[in-house]
Amino acid sequence: MVIERAVAADAGEILTLQRAAYVTEAQLYGDPYIPPLVESLEQARKVIEGALVLKALDGTRIIGVVRGRLSGVTCLVGRLVVAPDRQGQGVGTALLRALHDELPEAEAFDLSTGHLSEANLRLYRRLGYRETSRERMDDHLTMVHLRRTPERTQAPR
């Protein structure tokens, strides 16, 4: 597996992967209109051009993607997706670690996931993310907001 920056030409394949990966989330929450499933090709292309989007490749196939955008000193992490047939094989972990490495200037990494998304929550907690708050969106969805603060090496005194 190789991880590199996505380019605008990857938008179609990334959008297809995103839709395949988020179908289970839509089923879990009973909502086929979650943002990752209704994002347009043009919207995906604009994100790739304006943010740090990393893709995991197996040969020429994109098997995972993660988005990161700096807001001040905080990286806003979004749309971590892994191909359904490659989930549970370390792709998501590798992508998040690569994102952390690509943005050493970030003092924090923030992300959100739904309260029923147990596999996501386990992954994020394993990588050092801690819950900061919960936000009830509607009857069937509560967003869990998490933050990771990188360990900083302190100079000797």
C-alpha atoms as a PDB file:
ATOM      1  CA  MET A   1       0.000   0.000   0.000  1.00  0.00           C
ATOM      2  CA  VAL A   2       1.238   3.462  -0.940  1.00  0.00           C
ATOM      3  CA  ILE A   3      -0.190   6.713   0.445  1.00  0.00           C
ATOM      4  CA  GLU A   4       0.048   9.921  -1.564  1.00  0.00           C
ATOM      5  CA  ARG A   5      -1.802  13.155  -2.190  1.00  0.00           C
ATOM      6  CA  ALA A   6      -4.939  12.935  -4.296  1.00  0.00           C
ATOM      7  CA  VAL A   7      -5.305  15.108  -7.390  1.00  0.00           C
ATOM      8  CA  ALA A   8      -8.431  16.538  -9.011  1.00  0.00           C
ATOM      9  CA  ALA A   9      -8.415  13.752 -11.612  1.00  0.00           C
ATOM     10  CA  ASP A  10      -9.026  11.262  -8.753  1.00  0.00           C
ATOM     11  CA  ALA A  11     -12.377  12.860  -7.839  1.00  0.00           C
ATOM     12  CA  GLY A  12     -14.576  10.368  -9.696  1.00  0.00           C
ATOM     13  CA  GLU A  13     -12.910   7.297  -8.228  1.00  0.00           C
ATOM     14  CA  ILE A  14     -12.832   8.877  -4.772  1.00  0.00           C
ATOM     15  CA  LEU A  15     -16.536   9.718  -4.963  1.00  0.00           C
ATOM     16  CA  THR A  16     -17.364   6.139  -6.027  1.00  0.00           C
ATOM     17  CA  LEU A  17     -15.293   4.760  -3.138  1.00  0.00           C
ATOM     18  CA  GLN A  18     -16.897   7.211  -0.707  1.00  0.00           C
ATOM     19  CA  ARG A  19     -20.389   6.154  -1.719  1.00  0.00           C
ATOM     20  CA  ALA A  20     -19.551   2.466  -1.392  1.00  0.00           C
ATOM     21  CA  ALA A  21     -18.001   3.002   2.036  1.00  0.00           C
ATOM     22  CA  TYR A  22     -20.835   5.135   3.428  1.00  0.00           C
ATOM     23  CA  VAL A  23     -23.730   2.872   2.433  1.00  0.00           C
ATOM     24  CA  THR A  24     -23.390   0.969   5.720  1.00  0.00           C
ATOM     25  CA  GLU A  25     -23.443   4.263   7.671  1.00  0.00           C
ATOM     26  CA  ALA A  26     -26.614   5.308   5.839  1.00  0.00           C
ATOM     27  CA  GLN A  27     -28.211   1.961   6.699  1.00  0.00           C
ATOM     28  CA  LEU A  28     -27.062   2.192  10.320  1.00  0.00           C
ATOM     29  CA  TYR A  29     -28.763   5.561  10.756  1.00  0.00           C
ATOM     30  CA  GLY A  30     -31.692   4.967   8.399  1.00  0.00           C
ATOM     31  CA  ASP A  31     -30.778   8.002   6.279  1.00  0.00           C
ATOM     32  CA  PRO A  32     -29.867   7.616   2.583  1.00  0.00           C
ATOM     33  CA  TYR A  33     -29.189  11.361   2.281  1.00  0.00           C
ATOM     34  CA  ILE A  34     -26.122  11.706   4.488  1.00  0.00           C
ATOM     35  CA  PRO A  35     -23.671  14.266   3.026  1.00  0.00           C
ATOM     36  CA  PRO A  36     -21.056  11.751   1.777  1.00  0.00           C
ATOM     37  CA  LEU A  37     -23.726  10.050  -0.341  1.00  0.00           C
ATOM     38  CA  VAL A  38     -25.071  13.206  -1.938  1.00  0.00           C
ATOM     39  CA  GLU A  39     -21.801  15.056  -2.570  1.00  0.00           C
ATOM     40  CA  SER A  40     -21.394  15.940  -6.248  1.00  0.00           C
ATOM     41  CA  LEU A  41     -18.369  15.287  -8.428  1.00  0.00           C
ATOM     42  CA  GLU A  42     -17.716  19.022  -8.623  1.00  0.00           C
ATOM     43  CA  GLN A  43     -17.867  19.352  -4.825  1.00  0.00           C
ATOM     44  CA  ALA A  44     -15.409  16.473  -4.420  1.00  0.00           C
ATOM     45  CA  ARG A  45     -13.071  18.025  -6.997  1.00  0.00           C
ATOM     46  CA  LYS A  46     -13.128  21.376  -5.168  1.00  0.00           C
ATOM     47  CA  VAL A  47     -12.270  19.703  -1.856  1.00  0.00           C
ATOM     48  CA  ILE A  48      -9.315  17.908  -3.428  1.00  0.00           C
ATOM     49  CA  GLU A  49      -8.063  21.194  -4.865  1.00  0.00           C
ATOM     50  CA  GLY A  50      -8.498  23.129  -1.615  1.00  0.00           C
ATOM     51  CA  ALA A  51      -7.535  20.712   1.152  1.00  0.00           C
ATOM     52  CA  LEU A  52      -5.031  17.996   1.910  1.00  0.00           C
ATOM     53  CA  VAL A  53      -6.589  14.790   0.587  1.00  0.00           C
ATOM     54  CA  LEU A  54      -4.555  11.618   0.960  1.00  0.00           C
ATOM     55  CA  LYS A  55      -5.288   8.426  -0.925  1.00  0.00           C
ATOM     56  CA  ALA A  56      -4.171   4.879  -0.183  1.00  0.00           C
ATOM     57  CA  LEU A  57      -3.317   2.889  -3.281  1.00  0.00           C
ATOM     58  CA  ASP A  58      -3.097  -0.834  -3.894  1.00  0.00           C
ATOM     59  CA  GLY A  59      -1.452  -0.815  -7.292  1.00  0.00           C
ATOM     60  CA  THR A  60      -3.525   1.720  -9.210  1.00  0.00           C
ATOM     61  CA  ARG A  61      -6.716   1.162  -7.180  1.00  0.00           C
ATOM     62  CA  ILE A  62      -7.686   3.763  -4.571  1.00  0.00           C
ATOM     63  CA  ILE A  63      -8.627   1.757  -1.473  1.00  0.00           C
ATOM     64  CA  GLY A  64      -8.935   4.584   1.040  1.00  0.00           C
ATOM     65  CA  VAL A  65      -9.035   8.356   1.411  1.00  0.00           C
ATOM     66  CA  VAL A  66      -8.904  10.943   4.178  1.00  0.00           C
ATOM     67  CA  ARG A  67      -9.348  14.710   4.082  1.00  0.00           C
ATOM     68  CA  GLY A  68      -7.619  17.279   6.249  1.00  0.00           C
ATOM     69  CA  ARG A  69      -7.915  21.059   6.306  1.00  0.00           C
ATOM     70  CA  LEU A  70      -6.082  23.427   8.596  1.00  0.00           C
ATOM     71  CA  SER A  71      -8.197  25.935  10.448  1.00  0.00           C
ATOM     72  CA  GLY A  72      -5.715  27.995  12.401  1.00  0.00           C
ATOM     73  CA  VAL A  73      -3.602  25.419  14.234  1.00  0.00           C
ATOM     74  CA  THR A  74      -6.282  22.707  14.154  1.00  0.00           C
ATOM     75  CA  CYS A  75      -6.633  20.115  11.409  1.00  0.00           C
ATOM     76  CA  LEU A  76     -10.258  19.365  10.616  1.00  0.00           C
ATOM     77  CA  VAL A  77     -10.320  15.709   9.595  1.00  0.00           C
ATOM     78  CA  GLY A  78     -13.091  14.531   7.325  1.00  0.00           C
ATOM     79  CA  ARG A  79     -14.384  11.666   5.267  1.00  0.00           C
ATOM     80  CA  LEU A  80     -12.048   8.880   6.222  1.00  0.00           C
ATOM     81  CA  VAL A  81     -13.205   6.144   3.846  1.00  0.00           C
ATOM     82  CA  VAL A  82     -11.919   2.656   3.157  1.00  0.00           C
ATOM     83  CA  ALA A  83     -13.136   0.299   0.433  1.00  0.00           C
ATOM     84  CA  PRO A  84     -15.595  -2.164   1.988  1.00  0.00           C
ATOM     85  CA  ASP A  85     -13.452  -5.160   0.979  1.00  0.00           C
ATOM     86  CA  ARG A  86     -10.361  -3.617   2.627  1.00  0.00           C
ATOM     87  CA  GLN A  87     -11.881  -2.529   5.944  1.00  0.00           C
ATOM     88  CA  GLY A  88     -10.223  -3.932   9.055  1.00  0.00           C
ATOM     89  CA  GLN A  89      -6.842  -4.282   7.302  1.00  0.00           C
ATOM     90  CA  GLY A  90      -5.124  -1.151   8.652  1.00  0.00           C
ATOM     91  CA  VAL A  91      -5.871   1.180   5.745  1.00  0.00           C
ATOM     92  CA  GLY A  92      -7.739   3.719   7.881  1.00  0.00           C
ATOM     93  CA  THR A  93      -5.022   3.646  10.536  1.00  0.00           C
ATOM     94  CA  ALA A  94      -2.321   4.212   7.909  1.00  0.00           C
ATOM     95  CA  LEU A  95      -4.233   7.112   6.358  1.00  0.00           C
ATOM     96  CA  LEU A  96      -4.779   8.888   9.663  1.00  0.00           C
ATOM     97  CA  ARG A  97      -1.155   8.425  10.682  1.00  0.00           C
ATOM     98  CA  ALA A  98      -0.038   9.793   7.306  1.00  0.00           C
ATOM     99  CA  LEU A  99      -2.320  12.804   7.769  1.00  0.00           C
ATOM    100  CA  HIS A 100      -0.839  13.432  11.229  1.00  0.00           C
ATOM    101  CA  ASP A 101       2.661  13.215   9.731  1.00  0.00           C
ATOM    102  CA  GLU A 102       1.817  15.530   6.803  1.00  0.00           C
ATOM    103  CA  LEU A 103       0.681  18.310   9.149  1.00  0.00           C
ATOM    104  CA  PRO A 104       3.261  18.493  11.961  1.00  0.00           C
ATOM    105  CA  GLU A 105       2.310  22.127  12.535  1.00  0.00           C
ATOM    106  CA  ALA A 106      -1.204  21.127  13.633  1.00  0.00           C
ATOM    107  CA  GLU A 107      -1.654  21.411  17.388  1.00  0.00           C
ATOM    108  CA  ALA A 108      -4.838  19.343  17.300  1.00  0.00           C
ATOM    109  CA  PHE A 109      -6.822  17.104  14.979  1.00  0.00           C
ATOM    110  CA  ASP A 110     -10.620  17.252  15.229  1.00  0.00           C
ATOM    111  CA  LEU A 111     -13.132  14.841  13.723  1.00  0.00           C
ATOM    112  CA  SER A 112     -16.693  13.646  14.225  1.00  0.00           C
ATOM    113  CA  THR A 113     -18.614  10.437  13.738  1.00  0.00           C
ATOM    114  CA  GLY A 114     -22.052   9.123  14.557  1.00  0.00           C
ATOM    115  CA  HIS A 115     -22.717   7.616  17.974  1.00  0.00           C
ATOM    116  CA  LEU A 116     -23.598   4.198  16.523  1.00  0.00           C
ATOM    117  CA  SER A 117     -20.385   3.919  14.493  1.00  0.00           C
ATOM    118  CA  GLU A 118     -18.566   1.710  16.991  1.00  0.00           C
ATOM    119  CA  ALA A 119     -15.769   0.578  14.645  1.00  0.00           C
ATOM    120  CA  ASN A 120     -14.962   4.204  13.832  1.00  0.00           C
ATOM    121  CA  LEU A 121     -14.973   5.187  17.495  1.00  0.00           C
ATOM    122  CA  ARG A 122     -12.644   2.273  18.382  1.00  0.00           C
ATOM    123  CA  LEU A 123     -10.211   3.282  15.616  1.00  0.00           C
ATOM    124  CA  TYR A 124     -10.141   6.936  16.629  1.00  0.00           C
ATOM    125  CA  ARG A 125      -9.665   6.145  20.315  1.00  0.00           C
ATOM    126  CA  ARG A 126      -6.872   3.698  19.506  1.00  0.00           C
ATOM    127  CA  LEU A 127      -5.092   6.508  17.613  1.00  0.00           C
ATOM    128  CA  GLY A 128      -5.290   8.905  20.553  1.00  0.00           C
ATOM    129  CA  TYR A 129      -8.518  10.769  19.831  1.00  0.00           C
ATOM    130  CA  ARG A 130     -10.587  11.652  22.893  1.00  0.00           C
ATOM    131  CA  GLU A 131     -14.248  12.578  22.989  1.00  0.00           C
ATOM    132  CA  THR A 132     -14.814  16.290  23.528  1.00  0.00           C
ATOM    133  CA  SER A 133     -18.586  16.548  23.151  1.00  0.00           C
ATOM    134  CA  ARG A 134     -21.764  15.059  21.729  1.00  0.00           C
ATOM    135  CA  GLU A 135     -24.277  16.903  19.605  1.00  0.00           C
ATOM    136  CA  ARG A 136     -27.780  15.584  19.020  1.00  0.00           C
ATOM    137  CA  MET A 137     -28.618  16.176  15.369  1.00  0.00           C
ATOM    138  CA  ASP A 138     -32.072  14.540  15.366  1.00  0.00           C
ATOM    139  CA  ASP A 139     -33.893  11.531  16.800  1.00  0.00           C
ATOM    140  CA  HIS A 140     -31.638   8.976  15.136  1.00  0.00           C
ATOM    141  CA  LEU A 141     -28.238  10.692  15.140  1.00  0.00           C
ATOM    142  CA  THR A 142     -25.923  12.091  17.767  1.00  0.00           C
ATOM    143  CA  MET A 143     -22.535  13.276  16.513  1.00  0.00           C
ATOM    144  CA  VAL A 144     -19.534  12.393  18.666  1.00  0.00           C
ATOM    145  CA  HIS A 145     -16.787  15.024  18.398  1.00  0.00           C
ATOM    146  CA  LEU A 146     -13.234  13.879  19.096  1.00  0.00           C
ATOM    147  CA  ARG A 147      -9.830  15.560  19.306  1.00  0.00           C
ATOM    148  CA  ARG A 148      -6.275  14.296  19.130  1.00  0.00           C
ATOM    149  CA  THR A 149      -3.498  16.451  20.515  1.00  0.00           C
ATOM    150  CA  PRO A 150      -0.114  15.293  19.214  1.00  0.00           C
ATOM    151  CA  GLU A 151       2.525  14.549  21.787  1.00  0.00           C
ATOM    152  CA  ARG A 152       5.141  17.271  21.667  1.00  0.00           C
ATOM    153  CA  THR A 153       8.739  16.557  22.470  1.00  0.00           C
ATOM    154  CA  GLN A 154       9.877  19.015  25.087  1.00  0.00           C
ATOM    155  CA  ALA A 155      13.375  20.422  25.017  1.00  0.00           C
ATOM    156  CA  PRO A 156      15.524  19.632  28.062  1.00  0.00           C
ATOM    157  CA  ARG A 157      15.585  22.367  30.675  1.00  0.00           C
END
